[in-house]
Structure formats: structure tokens, C-alpha cells
Amino acid sequence: MVTQMKKVVTRFAPSPTGFLHIGGARTALFNWLFTRHHGGEFRIRVEDTDRKRSTEEAVDAIFDGLNWLGLEADNDVVFQYANRERHAYVANKLLADGKAYHCYCSKEELTQMRETAKTDGRPMGYDGRWRDRDPADAPTGVDPVVRFKAPRVGEIVIKDLVQGDVTVQNVELDDMILLRADGTPTYMLSVVVDDYDMGVTHIIRGDDHLTNAARQAQLINAIGWELPEYAHIPLIHGPDGAKLSKRHGALGVDAYRDMGYLPDALKNYLLRLGWGHGDDEVISEEQAIDWFDLNGVGKSPSRFDFTKLENLNGIYMRETASDQTLCDGCLPFLEQKLERSLTGAEKERLLSSLGALKNRAKNLINLADSALFLFARRPLDIIPKAMKALNDDAKIILQKIHGDLDNISDWNVENTQSAIENFVEREDVGFGKVAQPLRAALTGSNQSPGISEVLAWLGKDESLSRIKDQF
């Protein structure tokens, strides 16, 4: 439940170590929709505290993916590393208040600690040996870390808006590090401070962060801040039920863009992975904003089904996307295949053809493939199946109908269709005996939209030249 007295603020907080993962895209979408539904604010924070793994290329890739999906922030983007002094200030305040302490354990001690715990069958956490130790015992020449003095008794309850109440015994959580030996803040501290400073009211993220929530709640309580609302959504699994990984196929949003999927179709599919609204499958952005809330999110992982995504994308191409959107989308794929840029006239030809070509396409690459014949250089390469339609009898038919078509003064779908029908009637031949040779001559294939449409798209001169090439 959301209290409307306070503005809803959510955040998407990716780590810039690679592409925008498809699971991360769904998390961003759920955050974005939740704030839109409640009239709130969607923010983005780049969690770049791991300086060795964070890259500018990854930052660019993440924002390219978010922008392609239309998931833009409502406020300035926050870069976590830039706030490190603020994070350290909070840690030192906890230290001064006796809620944190210096730990001088060496790497060797920590390794031995873990091995002993493993042998004893205990959780492999820090044993707190410097928690109440006299600082005078500190060894010389050792830079300490700062650890949080976590509560040892009682329990922490996360009232999760998806998972329900999740209870963790405090004794199960060790004293986590807040500041490293070099003084830099850790991820767990930085997240808590940034969420507070950004005014985040609802943290919507993957359920792999559920244990983090308990640790972060401990820290928030110690500082004296108000806990945000938590909603931990289940992860996306592959078709086999295992966690989605490279072996299942594409993981990055950029890969789906490069495979010719439409952003609105991908968003629609991701929305239905873990959230439902009755039997509705095709959901517009306006409907999604109106309908989305966390009570529709399930607890169980959803399985990514590539066939369903492809079918949904086909529906969007046929029924939702404008022809201009499809033209703009398939143009890069088409020009890459042609190894040249289209002229203005050719782009108009492409646009005029999409009303028919899109009916068989499931993605923009399919669409580009189906449009290649419109821009092929003469003489066309004829595929073997189509070549069978160009026998000697067919070439005689092509020669005759070439003259009929040449007599058309106003070249359009209706007039070319009439000319073909009149020819069929006059020559007393089956329509297929005329259509198949024409299709092969005009497209180089045995499959295409209607012949009269193809003739109209190609124009009179190009159509007649392609027909003449075959007799």
C-alpha cells in the first residue's frame, strides 16, 4: 500500500560494469511504472564505487538501453562515487556514537576465521573480535577498517510489498565493513546514504538483494532514519527454469535492439514477466501506467520465452507501430545488407511498401530482408525455387504482358491489377501462370506481397526493365 501523503520516489541503480541486463531493464521498468502510476519521481543512480570494474563504456551502454526503452530519469543522475565523502561522514558519525568500531584484523586472520567457521558448520562471517576490544590493543602500522556494530539479539523484519514479511535473526548477520582500510566507503553504506539523500521512498529491486535489505535496515535503524518500503521482485529464469544466463541466449538490451525488436514490444513483454493483469497480453504504455501496482507482482520467477517475445513483437509490428516507425527502425538493417545508403526516393518506396511487408515480419531484420528486392541491382539474382517459374513458356508470357503493362499511362495498383486480369482473360491462362513468372522476375523470389503492389512500389521503368531481363 502506498501512502499518498508523501511523494513516491524510486530509483534504478545499475553498476556500470557491462551492458544493461534484460533483468535490470525489467527492474527499471517496474520502478518507472510504479512512479508514473503514483505520480512520483523516477531516479537513476550509477553505483560506480567499484572503480576497477566501472567503465565509461558501460555507463554509455546502460543509458543507451534505458533511453531506447524510454525509461529516462525525472531528475539529475546520481553517480555514487561522487558522494564518497558524504558516505564516509556518516560512517565516522556512527563511529563517534559508538555504533561502529575499528577492526584491525589481518587478511590471514579473516581467512582463518572463515576456515574455522566452515569446519564448525557455522556461518562464515566475521566473529566480532574487535567489537569491544580496547583500542589500545591495536597493532602498530595497521590501517583498520570501520565495521558496523550490528545488533546481536532480536530480529529484523522486512515488510516486503512483494514477498510479505521476511524475518531475519540479527545473530545471523555479522558486523559488516562500512569503510575500507584506505577510507573508501563500501557498497552497503553508500546505498543506504544515497537512498536517504535522494529521498527514495520505495526500493524495488531483484530478490537477490533480500539479505542486503536486512543488513541495510539494521544500519538505517542505527542512524535513526525512516525505513523505505521494500519490494523484492523475483528474478528472470530461462526456459529450463534455471537463472537466466548466457547459455539461454541474449542477456543485454542492446542485443534485442540489434535483433530487430521494437522497444515497446520488449517493454510489454518484460512487464508481463512477473506481473499480470487478467488475460491481457498486449498492453499499451498508457494502460500499463494506469494498471501497474506491486500487488500484481508474483513471488515466483518467470521464465523467459523467446517465442512469445517474437510473437508479441510481430503483433506490435502489424497492429501498433506506425509505418514511419518501422521504416526508421528497419532502415539501418536494410542499408547494412545493401552496403549503401538509400536515396530519398528509395526511402519513400520503402515507406509505401511497409503496409503489406510488415504482415509477415516478426522483427525489423525480417522486415529488412523482405524489402531487399525493392532496391536490388539488375539483373536480379533469382533463387532456385523462383527460377523454376521462368521456363520457356513463362518467358513468352512475360514478353506479352510486358507490352500490356507498357501501355499503362497512370501506373498504380488498380491499373496494373486490371492489366493483369485482362491479360489472363484474353490469353485464357491461369492467374498463377502469369503471377509466378512476374513474381520471380520482379523480386527474384517465389514469395512476395501482391504482384500489383510490387509493380506499384517499383515504378513503371524499374518493373518493365526487370521483366525484360527475363526474356
Protein backbone atom coordinates (compact mmCIF):
# COMPACT_ATOMS: atom_id res chain seq x y z
CA MET A 1 0.00 0.00 0.00
CA VAL A 2 1.26 3.48 -0.83
CA THR A 3 0.63 6.47 1.40
CA GLN A 4 -0.11 9.40 -0.85
CA MET A 5 0.83 11.97 1.83
CA LYS A 6 4.43 11.61 0.66
CA LYS A 7 5.64 11.77 -2.92
CA VAL A 8 6.72 8.39 -4.23
CA VAL A 9 10.39 8.30 -5.25
CA THR A 10 12.00 5.21 -6.74
CA ARG A 11 15.43 4.59 -8.15
CA PHE A 12 17.14 2.27 -10.57
CA ALA A 13 20.74 1.72 -9.52
CA PRO A 14 22.85 -0.17 -12.07
CA SER A 15 26.54 -0.94 -11.68
CA PRO A 16 28.48 0.24 -14.77
CA THR A 17 30.42 -2.94 -15.36
CA GLY A 18 28.75 -4.07 -18.60
CA PHE A 19 25.59 -3.85 -20.70
CA LEU A 20 22.06 -3.21 -19.45
CA HIS A 21 20.94 -6.70 -18.45
CA ILE A 22 17.44 -7.73 -19.50
CA GLY A 23 16.62 -8.32 -15.82
CA GLY A 24 17.88 -4.86 -14.95
CA ALA A 25 15.71 -3.41 -17.71
CA ARG A 26 12.64 -5.05 -16.16
CA THR A 27 13.60 -3.67 -12.73
CA ALA A 28 13.95 -0.19 -14.22
CA LEU A 29 10.58 -0.60 -15.98
CA PHE A 30 8.81 -1.64 -12.76
CA ASN A 31 10.31 1.35 -10.92
CA TRP A 32 9.36 3.71 -13.74
CA LEU A 33 5.79 2.42 -13.99
CA PHE A 34 5.31 2.50 -10.22
CA THR A 35 6.25 6.16 -10.03
CA ARG A 36 4.16 7.04 -13.08
CA HIS A 37 1.16 5.23 -11.57
CA HIS A 38 1.53 7.13 -8.30
CA GLY A 39 2.54 10.47 -9.78
CA GLY A 40 6.02 10.22 -8.29
CA GLU A 41 9.62 10.61 -9.36
CA PHE A 42 11.86 8.04 -11.04
CA ARG A 43 15.57 8.48 -10.45
CA ILE A 44 18.73 6.78 -11.69
CA ARG A 45 21.86 6.22 -9.64
CA VAL A 46 25.04 4.81 -11.14
CA GLU A 47 26.71 2.66 -8.49
CA ASP A 48 30.29 3.19 -9.58
CA THR A 49 32.10 2.69 -6.28
CA ASP A 50 33.99 -0.30 -7.73
CA ARG A 51 36.49 1.83 -9.63
CA LYS A 52 38.38 -1.13 -11.08
CA ARG A 53 35.34 -2.60 -12.83
CA SER A 54 33.35 0.55 -13.62
CA THR A 55 33.82 1.95 -17.13
CA GLU A 56 32.52 4.89 -19.15
CA GLU A 57 31.64 2.47 -21.94
CA ALA A 58 29.35 0.58 -19.58
CA VAL A 59 27.72 3.82 -18.40
CA ASP A 60 27.04 4.75 -22.03
CA ALA A 61 25.67 1.27 -22.79
CA ILE A 62 23.31 1.39 -19.82
CA PHE A 63 21.91 4.79 -20.72
CA ASP A 64 21.64 3.86 -24.40
CA GLY A 65 19.48 0.92 -23.36
CA LEU A 66 17.34 2.94 -20.95
CA ASN A 67 16.83 5.74 -23.46
CA TRP A 68 15.92 3.24 -26.19
CA LEU A 69 13.25 1.84 -23.88
CA GLY A 70 12.04 5.34 -23.00
CA LEU A 71 12.95 4.99 -19.31
CA GLU A 72 14.51 8.36 -18.59
CA ALA A 73 15.09 9.82 -15.14
CA ASP A 74 12.93 12.64 -13.78
CA ASN A 75 15.89 14.30 -12.05
CA ASP A 76 19.66 14.54 -12.29
CA VAL A 77 21.50 11.23 -12.45
CA VAL A 78 23.45 10.47 -9.28
CA PHE A 79 26.94 8.98 -9.51
CA GLN A 80 27.62 7.19 -6.26
CA TYR A 81 31.39 7.62 -6.21
CA ALA A 82 30.98 11.41 -6.22
CA ASN A 83 29.26 11.16 -2.82
CA ARG A 84 32.04 9.19 -1.11
CA GLU A 85 32.88 11.98 1.35
CA ARG A 86 29.27 12.12 2.48
CA HIS A 87 29.24 8.34 2.92
CA ALA A 88 32.45 8.47 4.98
CA TYR A 89 30.98 11.26 7.13
CA VAL A 90 28.04 9.05 8.09
CA ALA A 91 30.36 6.16 8.94
CA ASN A 92 32.53 8.38 11.13
CA LYS A 93 29.40 9.70 12.88
CA LEU A 94 28.44 6.12 13.71
CA LEU A 95 31.99 5.58 14.94
CA ALA A 96 31.76 8.63 17.21
CA ASP A 97 28.39 7.47 18.54
CA GLY A 98 29.71 4.03 19.46
CA LYS A 99 27.67 2.31 16.75
CA ALA A 100 30.73 1.34 14.73
CA TYR A 101 34.30 0.41 15.59
CA HIS A 102 37.79 -0.03 14.18
CA CYS A 103 38.79 -3.55 13.24
CA TYR A 104 42.48 -4.41 12.87
CA CYS A 105 42.15 -8.00 11.64
CA SER A 106 44.70 -9.07 9.06
CA LYS A 107 43.77 -10.93 5.88
CA GLU A 108 45.31 -14.05 7.40
CA GLU A 109 43.11 -13.78 10.49
CA LEU A 110 39.99 -13.35 8.39
CA THR A 111 40.91 -16.37 6.26
CA GLN A 112 41.47 -18.49 9.37
CA MET A 113 38.18 -17.21 10.78
CA ARG A 114 36.27 -18.39 7.72
CA GLU A 115 38.00 -21.78 7.65
CA THR A 116 37.26 -22.40 11.33
CA ALA A 117 33.63 -21.43 10.89
CA LYS A 118 33.35 -23.74 7.89
CA THR A 119 34.86 -26.62 9.87
CA ASP A 120 32.47 -25.97 12.77
CA GLY A 121 29.48 -25.71 10.46
CA ARG A 122 28.83 -22.09 11.38
CA PRO A 123 28.07 -19.15 9.04
CA MET A 124 31.34 -17.83 7.63
CA GLY A 125 31.00 -14.30 8.94
CA TYR A 126 33.25 -12.02 10.96
CA ASP A 127 33.34 -13.09 14.63
CA GLY A 128 33.42 -9.58 16.11
CA ARG A 129 36.76 -9.95 17.89
CA TRP A 130 37.49 -6.21 17.73
CA ARG A 131 33.93 -5.19 18.57
CA ASP A 132 34.55 -4.47 22.26
CA ARG A 133 38.31 -4.69 22.37
CA ASP A 134 40.38 -1.90 23.85
CA PRO A 135 41.72 0.32 21.02
CA ALA A 136 44.98 0.38 22.94
CA ASP A 137 45.49 -3.20 21.77
CA ALA A 138 45.67 -2.01 18.18
CA PRO A 139 48.80 -3.21 16.38
CA THR A 140 51.14 -0.58 15.02
CA GLY A 141 51.41 0.05 11.32
CA VAL A 142 47.98 -1.43 10.50
CA ASP A 143 45.26 0.66 8.89
CA PRO A 144 41.93 -0.52 10.32
CA VAL A 145 38.58 -0.90 8.61
CA VAL A 146 35.45 0.54 10.19
CA ARG A 147 32.79 -2.05 10.98
CA PHE A 148 29.16 -1.54 11.89
CA LYS A 149 28.26 -2.72 15.38
CA ALA A 150 25.24 -4.78 14.35
CA PRO A 151 22.65 -5.80 16.96
CA ARG A 152 23.29 -9.29 18.34
CA VAL A 153 19.82 -10.02 19.73
CA GLY A 154 16.32 -9.79 18.35
CA GLU A 155 15.28 -9.84 14.74
CA ILE A 156 14.80 -7.57 11.78
CA VAL A 157 11.52 -7.77 9.86
CA ILE A 158 11.35 -6.55 6.27
CA LYS A 159 7.73 -5.80 5.42
CA ASP A 160 8.17 -6.54 1.76
CA LEU A 161 5.44 -5.42 -0.64
CA VAL A 162 6.00 -8.47 -2.85
CA GLN A 163 7.45 -11.18 -0.61
CA GLY A 164 5.43 -10.38 2.51
CA ASP A 165 7.09 -10.19 5.93
CA VAL A 166 10.65 -11.51 5.81
CA THR A 167 12.21 -12.11 9.22
CA VAL A 168 15.96 -12.38 9.77
CA GLN A 169 17.51 -13.11 13.15
CA ASN A 170 20.11 -10.48 13.99
CA VAL A 171 22.52 -13.15 15.19
CA GLU A 172 22.73 -14.39 11.58
CA LEU A 173 24.24 -11.11 10.38
CA ASP A 174 27.83 -10.17 11.16
CA ASP A 175 29.40 -6.75 11.59
CA MET A 176 29.77 -5.53 8.03
CA ILE A 177 32.53 -3.19 6.88
CA LEU A 178 31.50 0.45 6.35
CA LEU A 179 34.89 1.95 5.47
CA ARG A 180 37.78 0.04 3.97
CA ALA A 181 41.31 0.39 5.29
CA ASP A 182 42.00 3.12 2.71
CA GLY A 183 38.99 5.09 3.96
CA THR A 184 36.72 4.42 0.98
CA PRO A 185 33.09 3.53 1.74
CA THR A 186 31.61 0.14 0.92
CA TYR A 187 28.61 -0.54 -1.27
CA MET A 188 26.30 -1.32 1.67
CA LEU A 189 26.97 2.03 3.35
CA SER A 190 26.83 4.03 0.12
CA VAL A 191 23.46 2.57 -0.88
CA VAL A 192 21.85 3.43 2.45
CA VAL A 193 23.16 7.00 2.48
CA ASP A 194 22.31 7.71 -1.16
CA ASP A 195 18.80 6.31 -0.84
CA TYR A 196 18.19 8.62 2.10
CA ASP A 197 19.74 11.67 0.46
CA MET A 198 17.78 11.06 -2.76
CA GLY A 199 14.53 10.82 -0.84
CA VAL A 200 13.83 7.29 -2.05
CA THR A 201 10.55 6.02 -0.59
CA HIS A 202 10.28 2.66 -2.36
CA ILE A 203 13.14 0.31 -3.21
CA ILE A 204 12.06 -2.05 -6.00
CA ARG A 205 14.80 -4.49 -6.95
CA GLY A 206 15.59 -8.17 -7.51
CA ASP A 207 15.01 -10.64 -4.70
CA ASP A 208 18.72 -11.48 -4.72
CA HIS A 209 19.02 -8.29 -2.63
CA LEU A 210 16.73 -9.56 0.13
CA THR A 211 19.61 -10.35 2.52
CA ASN A 212 21.07 -6.92 1.78
CA ALA A 213 17.75 -5.39 2.86
CA ALA A 214 18.11 -6.85 6.35
CA ARG A 215 21.65 -5.50 6.72
CA GLN A 216 20.66 -2.12 5.32
CA ALA A 217 17.64 -1.93 7.63
CA GLN A 218 19.91 -2.54 10.62
CA LEU A 219 22.13 0.31 9.51
CA ILE A 220 19.21 2.66 8.82
CA ASN A 221 17.78 1.98 12.29
CA ALA A 222 21.16 2.67 13.90
CA ILE A 223 21.46 6.00 12.08
CA GLY A 224 17.90 6.91 13.06
CA TRP A 225 16.40 7.33 9.60
CA GLU A 226 13.00 6.16 8.43
CA LEU A 227 12.97 2.83 6.62
CA PRO A 228 11.89 2.93 2.97
CA GLU A 229 9.33 0.50 1.62
CA TYR A 230 10.88 -2.60 0.08
CA ALA A 231 9.66 -4.66 -2.87
CA HIS A 232 11.89 -7.53 -3.95
CA ILE A 233 10.81 -8.93 -7.31
CA PRO A 234 11.68 -12.47 -8.45
CA LEU A 235 14.48 -12.94 -10.94
CA ILE A 236 14.00 -13.92 -14.56
CA HIS A 237 14.78 -17.54 -15.38
CA GLY A 238 15.47 -19.23 -18.68
CA PRO A 239 13.03 -21.60 -20.43
CA ASP A 240 14.53 -24.52 -18.46
CA GLY A 241 13.82 -22.89 -15.10
CA ALA A 242 17.46 -22.05 -14.35
CA LYS A 243 18.60 -18.49 -13.68
CA LEU A 244 18.83 -16.60 -16.99
CA SER A 245 22.40 -16.83 -18.28
CA LYS A 246 24.43 -16.58 -21.48
CA ARG A 247 23.62 -20.16 -22.42
CA HIS A 248 19.95 -19.19 -22.75
CA GLY A 249 20.74 -16.52 -25.33
CA ALA A 250 20.94 -12.75 -25.33
CA LEU A 251 21.23 -11.04 -21.93
CA GLY A 252 21.70 -7.37 -22.84
CA VAL A 253 19.02 -4.98 -24.02
CA ASP A 254 21.34 -3.89 -26.82
CA ALA A 255 21.25 -7.42 -28.23
CA TYR A 256 17.45 -7.32 -28.53
CA ARG A 257 17.66 -3.98 -30.28
CA ASP A 258 20.23 -5.45 -32.66
CA MET A 259 17.94 -8.44 -33.30
CA GLY A 260 15.25 -6.10 -34.55
CA TYR A 261 12.83 -6.00 -31.65
CA LEU A 262 10.74 -2.90 -31.03
CA PRO A 263 11.28 -1.15 -27.68
CA ASP A 264 7.55 -1.01 -26.92
CA ALA A 265 7.18 -4.72 -27.61
CA LEU A 266 10.13 -5.59 -25.38
CA LYS A 267 8.74 -3.39 -22.60
CA ASN A 268 5.35 -5.06 -22.94
CA TYR A 269 6.97 -8.49 -22.72
CA LEU A 270 9.11 -7.57 -19.71
CA LEU A 271 6.05 -6.12 -17.99
CA ARG A 272 4.26 -9.46 -18.30
CA LEU A 273 7.26 -11.31 -16.84
CA GLY A 274 6.23 -11.42 -13.20
CA TRP A 275 3.25 -9.04 -13.34
CA GLY A 276 -0.20 -9.72 -14.63
CA HIS A 277 -3.49 -8.00 -15.35
CA GLY A 278 -6.01 -10.72 -16.05
CA ASP A 279 -5.66 -12.20 -19.51
CA ASP A 280 -4.33 -9.00 -21.08
CA GLU A 281 -1.22 -9.63 -23.16
CA VAL A 282 -0.87 -6.59 -25.43
CA ILE A 283 -0.72 -3.62 -23.06
CA SER A 284 -0.12 -0.05 -24.15
CA GLU A 285 2.10 2.27 -22.15
CA GLU A 286 -0.96 4.26 -21.04
CA GLN A 287 -2.67 1.09 -19.82
CA ALA A 288 0.50 -0.08 -18.07
CA ILE A 289 0.77 3.20 -16.16
CA ASP A 290 -2.90 3.05 -15.23
CA TRP A 291 -2.89 -0.60 -14.16
CA PHE A 292 0.57 -1.23 -12.68
CA ASP A 293 1.00 -1.72 -8.98
CA LEU A 294 3.06 -4.04 -6.84
CA ASN A 295 0.11 -6.17 -5.77
CA GLY A 296 0.14 -7.66 -9.27
CA VAL A 297 3.75 -8.87 -8.96
CA GLY A 298 4.13 -12.57 -8.21
CA LYS A 299 6.65 -14.21 -5.89
CA SER A 300 7.82 -16.92 -8.28
CA PRO A 301 10.45 -16.47 -11.00
CA SER A 302 9.19 -16.02 -14.55
CA ARG A 303 10.58 -17.95 -17.50
CA PHE A 304 11.84 -16.01 -20.48
CA ASP A 305 10.17 -17.37 -23.61
CA PHE A 306 11.83 -16.13 -26.80
CA THR A 307 8.99 -17.45 -28.98
CA LYS A 308 6.41 -15.44 -27.04
CA LEU A 309 8.57 -12.33 -27.34
CA GLU A 310 8.87 -12.81 -31.09
CA ASN A 311 5.13 -13.33 -31.49
CA LEU A 312 4.37 -10.25 -29.40
CA ASN A 313 6.85 -8.23 -31.44
CA GLY A 314 5.08 -9.35 -34.60
CA ILE A 315 1.78 -8.11 -33.18
CA TYR A 316 3.33 -4.73 -32.40
CA MET A 317 4.72 -4.50 -35.93
CA ARG A 318 1.40 -5.33 -37.56
CA GLU A 319 -1.03 -3.55 -35.26
CA THR A 320 0.67 -0.90 -33.14
CA ALA A 321 3.80 0.63 -34.66
CA SER A 322 3.35 3.25 -37.37
CA ASP A 323 4.79 2.57 -40.82
CA GLN A 324 7.15 5.51 -40.30
CA THR A 325 8.45 3.94 -37.06
CA LEU A 326 9.02 0.66 -38.87
CA CYS A 327 10.70 2.46 -41.75
CA ASP A 328 13.09 4.27 -39.42
CA GLY A 329 13.73 1.06 -37.49
CA CYS A 330 14.49 -1.26 -40.37
CA LEU A 331 16.48 1.29 -42.40
CA PRO A 332 19.84 0.63 -40.64
CA PHE A 333 19.44 -3.14 -41.14
CA LEU A 334 18.49 -2.66 -44.78
CA GLU A 335 21.36 -0.30 -45.56
CA GLN A 336 23.79 -2.65 -43.85
CA LYS A 337 22.62 -5.52 -46.04
CA LEU A 338 22.75 -3.37 -49.19
CA GLU A 339 26.09 -1.87 -48.15
CA ARG A 340 24.89 1.55 -49.22
CA SER A 341 22.55 4.34 -48.14
CA LEU A 342 19.08 4.69 -49.59
CA THR A 343 18.17 7.78 -51.56
CA GLY A 344 15.22 9.93 -50.55
CA ALA A 345 13.10 8.36 -53.30
CA GLU A 346 14.07 4.87 -52.16
CA LYS A 347 13.08 5.68 -48.58
CA GLU A 348 9.68 6.77 -49.86
CA ARG A 349 9.42 3.49 -51.76
CA LEU A 350 10.26 1.58 -48.58
CA LEU A 351 7.68 3.50 -46.57
CA SER A 352 4.95 2.87 -49.13
CA SER A 353 5.62 -0.87 -49.07
CA LEU A 354 5.53 -1.44 -45.31
CA GLY A 355 1.75 -1.67 -45.03
CA ALA A 356 1.99 -5.02 -46.84
CA LEU A 357 5.51 -6.20 -45.96
CA LYS A 358 5.01 -5.91 -42.19
CA ASN A 359 2.27 -8.55 -42.19
CA ARG A 360 4.78 -11.38 -42.48
CA ALA A 361 7.60 -9.93 -40.38
CA LYS A 362 8.32 -10.77 -36.74
CA ASN A 363 11.19 -8.34 -36.31
CA LEU A 364 12.89 -5.50 -38.13
CA ILE A 365 15.52 -7.78 -39.64
CA ASN A 366 12.77 -9.91 -41.20
CA LEU A 367 11.24 -6.71 -42.50
CA ALA A 368 14.52 -5.53 -43.99
CA ASP A 369 15.04 -8.92 -45.65
CA SER A 370 11.58 -8.82 -47.19
CA ALA A 371 12.26 -5.33 -48.60
CA LEU A 372 15.63 -6.11 -50.17
CA PHE A 373 14.15 -6.87 -53.59
CA LEU A 374 12.89 -3.29 -53.85
CA PHE A 375 16.46 -1.99 -54.04
CA ALA A 376 18.32 -4.86 -55.68
CA ARG A 377 20.56 -4.04 -58.62
CA ARG A 378 19.67 -5.51 -62.01
CA PRO A 379 19.92 -8.18 -63.19
CA LEU A 380 18.37 -9.78 -60.11
CA ASP A 381 19.71 -12.93 -58.52
CA ILE A 382 16.87 -15.44 -58.84
CA ILE A 383 16.60 -18.10 -56.13
CA PRO A 384 16.33 -21.72 -57.40
CA LYS A 385 12.66 -22.11 -56.39
CA ALA A 386 11.72 -18.98 -58.32
CA MET A 387 13.84 -19.96 -61.31
CA LYS A 388 11.54 -22.95 -61.87
CA ALA A 389 8.78 -20.48 -62.76
CA LEU A 390 10.90 -18.95 -65.54
CA ASN A 391 10.70 -21.71 -68.15
CA ASP A 392 10.36 -21.06 -71.90
CA ASP A 393 6.55 -20.81 -71.78
CA ALA A 394 6.80 -18.34 -68.91
CA LYS A 395 9.23 -16.17 -70.84
CA ILE A 396 6.74 -15.92 -73.71
CA ILE A 397 4.07 -14.82 -71.21
CA LEU A 398 6.45 -12.23 -69.76
CA GLN A 399 7.19 -10.85 -73.21
CA LYS A 400 3.49 -10.49 -74.00
CA ILE A 401 2.43 -8.94 -70.69
CA HIS A 402 5.38 -6.56 -70.86
CA GLY A 403 3.64 -4.88 -73.79
CA ASP A 404 0.32 -4.65 -71.92
CA LEU A 405 1.95 -3.12 -68.89
CA ASP A 406 3.95 -0.71 -71.04
CA ASN A 407 0.68 0.72 -72.34
CA ILE A 408 -0.41 1.84 -68.85
CA SER A 409 -0.20 5.63 -68.61
CA ASP A 410 -1.26 6.01 -64.97
CA TRP A 411 0.88 3.47 -63.10
CA ASN A 412 -0.78 2.36 -59.86
CA VAL A 413 -2.06 -0.75 -58.07
CA GLU A 414 -5.52 -0.64 -59.60
CA ASN A 415 -4.40 -0.17 -63.19
CA THR A 416 -1.66 -2.80 -63.07
CA GLN A 417 -4.09 -5.26 -61.48
CA SER A 418 -6.64 -4.59 -64.24
CA ALA A 419 -3.99 -5.07 -66.92
CA ILE A 420 -3.00 -8.46 -65.47
CA GLU A 421 -6.62 -9.60 -65.14
CA ASN A 422 -7.38 -8.52 -68.71
CA PHE A 423 -4.29 -10.36 -69.95
CA VAL A 424 -5.30 -13.56 -68.12
CA GLU A 425 -8.78 -13.41 -69.64
CA ARG A 426 -7.57 -12.60 -73.17
CA GLU A 427 -4.83 -15.24 -73.25
CA ASP A 428 -7.03 -17.79 -71.45
CA VAL A 429 -4.32 -18.76 -68.95
CA GLY A 430 -4.50 -19.37 -65.23
CA PHE A 431 -3.64 -16.44 -63.00
CA GLY A 432 -0.77 -18.39 -61.42
CA LYS A 433 0.79 -18.94 -64.86
CA VAL A 434 1.18 -15.17 -65.06
CA ALA A 435 1.72 -14.22 -61.42
CA GLN A 436 4.53 -16.67 -60.64
CA PRO A 437 6.80 -15.65 -63.55
CA LEU A 438 6.09 -11.99 -62.79
CA ARG A 439 6.92 -12.54 -59.11
CA ALA A 440 10.20 -14.26 -59.98
CA ALA A 441 11.17 -11.55 -62.47
CA LEU A 442 10.25 -8.66 -60.19
CA THR A 443 11.52 -9.95 -56.82
CA GLY A 444 13.87 -12.85 -57.54
CA SER A 445 11.77 -14.94 -55.13
CA ASN A 446 8.79 -17.26 -55.18
CA GLN A 447 7.11 -15.35 -52.34
CA SER A 448 6.07 -11.71 -52.15
CA PRO A 449 3.09 -9.45 -51.50
CA GLY A 450 0.55 -8.99 -54.30
CA ILE A 451 2.03 -8.55 -57.78
CA SER A 452 0.15 -5.31 -58.46
CA GLU A 453 1.51 -3.87 -55.20
CA VAL A 454 5.06 -4.87 -56.13
CA LEU A 455 4.64 -3.25 -59.55
CA ALA A 456 3.40 -0.04 -57.93
CA TRP A 457 6.29 0.10 -55.44
CA LEU A 458 8.97 -0.49 -58.07
CA GLY A 459 7.50 2.00 -60.51
CA LYS A 460 6.96 1.56 -64.22
CA ASP A 461 10.51 1.86 -65.53
CA GLU A 462 12.09 -0.48 -62.98
CA SER A 463 9.26 -3.02 -63.26
CA LEU A 464 9.41 -3.20 -67.05
CA SER A 465 13.20 -3.43 -67.01
CA ARG A 466 13.17 -6.34 -64.54
CA ILE A 467 10.56 -8.17 -66.62
CA LYS A 468 12.54 -7.61 -69.82
CA ASP A 469 15.68 -9.01 -68.18
CA GLN A 470 14.00 -12.44 -68.14
CA PHE A 471 13.11 -12.83 -71.83
